[in-house]
C-alpha atoms as a PDB file:
ATOM      1  CA  UNK A   1       8.619  27.051   1.175  1.00  0.00           C
ATOM      2  CA  UNK A   2       5.364  25.852  -0.255  1.00  0.00           C
ATOM      3  CA  UNK A   3       6.589  27.057  -3.963  1.00  0.00           C
ATOM      4  CA  UNK A   4       9.748  24.664  -3.363  1.00  0.00           C
ATOM      5  CA  UNK A   5       7.466  21.811  -2.089  1.00  0.00           C
ATOM      6  CA  UNK A   6       5.610  22.155  -5.436  1.00  0.00           C
ATOM      7  CA  UNK A   7       8.765  21.709  -7.729  1.00  0.00           C
ATOM      8  CA  UNK A   8      11.340  23.498  -9.279  1.00  0.00           C
ATOM      9  CA  UNK A   9      11.301  27.610  -8.543  1.00  0.00           C
ATOM     10  CA  UNK A  10      13.192  30.173 -10.291  1.00  0.00           C
ATOM     11  CA  UNK A  11      15.508  32.661  -8.430  1.00  0.00           C
ATOM     12  CA  UNK A  12      16.672  30.035  -5.593  1.00  0.00           C
ATOM     13  CA  UNK A  13      19.441  28.018  -5.047  1.00  0.00           C
ATOM     14  CA  UNK A  14      19.529  24.343  -6.415  1.00  0.00           C
ATOM     15  CA  UNK A  15      21.366  23.920  -2.941  1.00  0.00           C
ATOM     16  CA  UNK A  16      18.029  24.396  -1.255  1.00  0.00           C
ATOM     17  CA  UNK A  17      15.940  22.554  -3.785  1.00  0.00           C
ATOM     18  CA  UNK A  18      18.161  19.651  -3.666  1.00  0.00           C
ATOM     19  CA  UNK A  19      17.616  19.877   0.312  1.00  0.00           C
ATOM     20  CA  UNK A  20      14.126  20.475   0.360  1.00  0.00           C
ATOM     21  CA  UNK A  21      13.877  17.139  -2.099  1.00  0.00           C
ATOM     22  CA  UNK A  22      16.104  15.013  -0.071  1.00  0.00           C
ATOM     23  CA  UNK A  23      14.053  15.991   3.131  1.00  0.00           C
ATOM     24  CA  UNK A  24      10.908  14.752   1.273  1.00  0.00           C
ATOM     25  CA  UNK A  25      12.715  11.547   0.047  1.00  0.00           C
ATOM     26  CA  UNK A  26      13.655  10.416   3.361  1.00  0.00           C
ATOM     27  CA  UNK A  27      10.096  10.887   4.941  1.00  0.00           C
ATOM     28  CA  UNK A  28       8.988   7.608   7.009  1.00  0.00           C
ATOM     29  CA  UNK A  29       5.588   6.674   7.793  1.00  0.00           C
ATOM     30  CA  UNK A  30       4.576   6.225  11.646  1.00  0.00           C
ATOM     31  CA  UNK A  31       3.194   3.067  10.328  1.00  0.00           C
ATOM     32  CA  UNK A  32       3.865   0.779   7.691  1.00  0.00           C
ATOM     33  CA  UNK A  33       1.209   0.114   5.219  1.00  0.00           C
ATOM     34  CA  UNK A  34       2.539  -3.035   4.084  1.00  0.00           C
ATOM     35  CA  UNK A  35       1.997  -4.273   7.817  1.00  0.00           C
ATOM     36  CA  UNK A  36      -1.894  -4.707   7.649  1.00  0.00           C
ATOM     37  CA  UNK A  37      -3.724  -4.525  11.449  1.00  0.00           C
ATOM     38  CA  UNK A  38      -6.434  -7.135  10.992  1.00  0.00           C
ATOM     39  CA  UNK A  39      -7.087 -10.136   9.134  1.00  0.00           C
ATOM     40  CA  UNK A  40      -6.935 -10.142   5.204  1.00  0.00           C
ATOM     41  CA  UNK A  41      -9.626 -12.393   3.563  1.00  0.00           C
ATOM     42  CA  UNK A  42      -8.758 -14.033   0.157  1.00  0.00           C
ATOM     43  CA  UNK A  43     -10.312 -17.017  -2.074  1.00  0.00           C
ATOM     44  CA  UNK A  44      -9.081 -20.406  -2.585  1.00  0.00           C
ATOM     45  CA  UNK A  45      -7.689 -18.930  -5.954  1.00  0.00           C
ATOM     46  CA  UNK A  46      -5.481 -16.132  -4.498  1.00  0.00           C
ATOM     47  CA  UNK A  47      -4.294 -18.652  -2.204  1.00  0.00           C
ATOM     48  CA  UNK A  48      -2.889 -21.091  -4.471  1.00  0.00           C
ATOM     49  CA  UNK A  49      -1.374 -18.486  -6.752  1.00  0.00           C
ATOM     50  CA  UNK A  50       0.450 -17.221  -3.322  1.00  0.00           C
ATOM     51  CA  UNK A  51       1.552 -20.535  -2.734  1.00  0.00           C
ATOM     52  CA  UNK A  52       2.659 -21.052  -6.436  1.00  0.00           C
ATOM     53  CA  UNK A  53       5.168 -18.180  -5.567  1.00  0.00           C
ATOM     54  CA  UNK A  54       6.563 -19.747  -2.445  1.00  0.00           C
ATOM     55  CA  UNK A  55       4.014 -17.330  -0.099  1.00  0.00           C
ATOM     56  CA  UNK A  56       2.999 -20.058   2.119  1.00  0.00           C
ATOM     57  CA  UNK A  57       2.850 -19.029   5.540  1.00  0.00           C
ATOM     58  CA  UNK A  58       2.109 -15.261   5.552  1.00  0.00           C
ATOM     59  CA  UNK A  59       0.898 -13.875   8.431  1.00  0.00           C
ATOM     60  CA  UNK A  60      -2.621 -12.189   8.965  1.00  0.00           C
ATOM     61  CA  UNK A  61      -4.025 -13.778   5.257  1.00  0.00           C
ATOM     62  CA  UNK A  62      -7.028 -16.436   5.443  1.00  0.00           C
ATOM     63  CA  UNK A  63      -9.197 -18.271   2.780  1.00  0.00           C
ATOM     64  CA  UNK A  64     -13.168 -17.056   2.955  1.00  0.00           C
ATOM     65  CA  UNK A  65     -15.267 -18.929   1.022  1.00  0.00           C
ATOM     66  CA  UNK A  66     -16.510 -17.151  -2.511  1.00  0.00           C
ATOM     67  CA  UNK A  67     -19.987 -16.855  -1.448  1.00  0.00           C
ATOM     68  CA  UNK A  68     -18.952 -15.166   1.720  1.00  0.00           C
ATOM     69  CA  UNK A  69     -16.758 -12.309  -0.154  1.00  0.00           C
ATOM     70  CA  UNK A  70     -19.966 -11.991  -2.542  1.00  0.00           C
ATOM     71  CA  UNK A  71     -22.565 -11.431   0.587  1.00  0.00           C
ATOM     72  CA  UNK A  72     -19.637  -8.713   2.629  1.00  0.00           C
ATOM     73  CA  UNK A  73     -19.483  -6.609  -0.803  1.00  0.00           C
ATOM     74  CA  UNK A  74     -22.958  -6.754  -2.053  1.00  0.00           C
ATOM     75  CA  UNK A  75     -22.048  -8.888  -4.975  1.00  0.00           C
ATOM     76  CA  UNK A  76     -25.234  -9.641  -7.895  1.00  0.00           C
ATOM     77  CA  UNK A  77     -27.414  -7.241  -6.383  1.00  0.00           C
ATOM     78  CA  UNK A  78     -28.614  -4.934  -9.178  1.00  0.00           C
END
């Protein structure tokens, strides 16, 4: 079965390969990557861009000052 997971295998029935491919396509993760658990910090430019695209009321999104983001990421430290 490990060879089938890697890709098509010569000598194995096409039906078995298709079943394995279909099993992989139907995988549903436990938690969605699109639903973050914590708060997402964005800058004002990003917030303005989201507003322009009519994403004004997104949950878990907060505007953070630009100076705070630089300090968290270690900005301008050489």
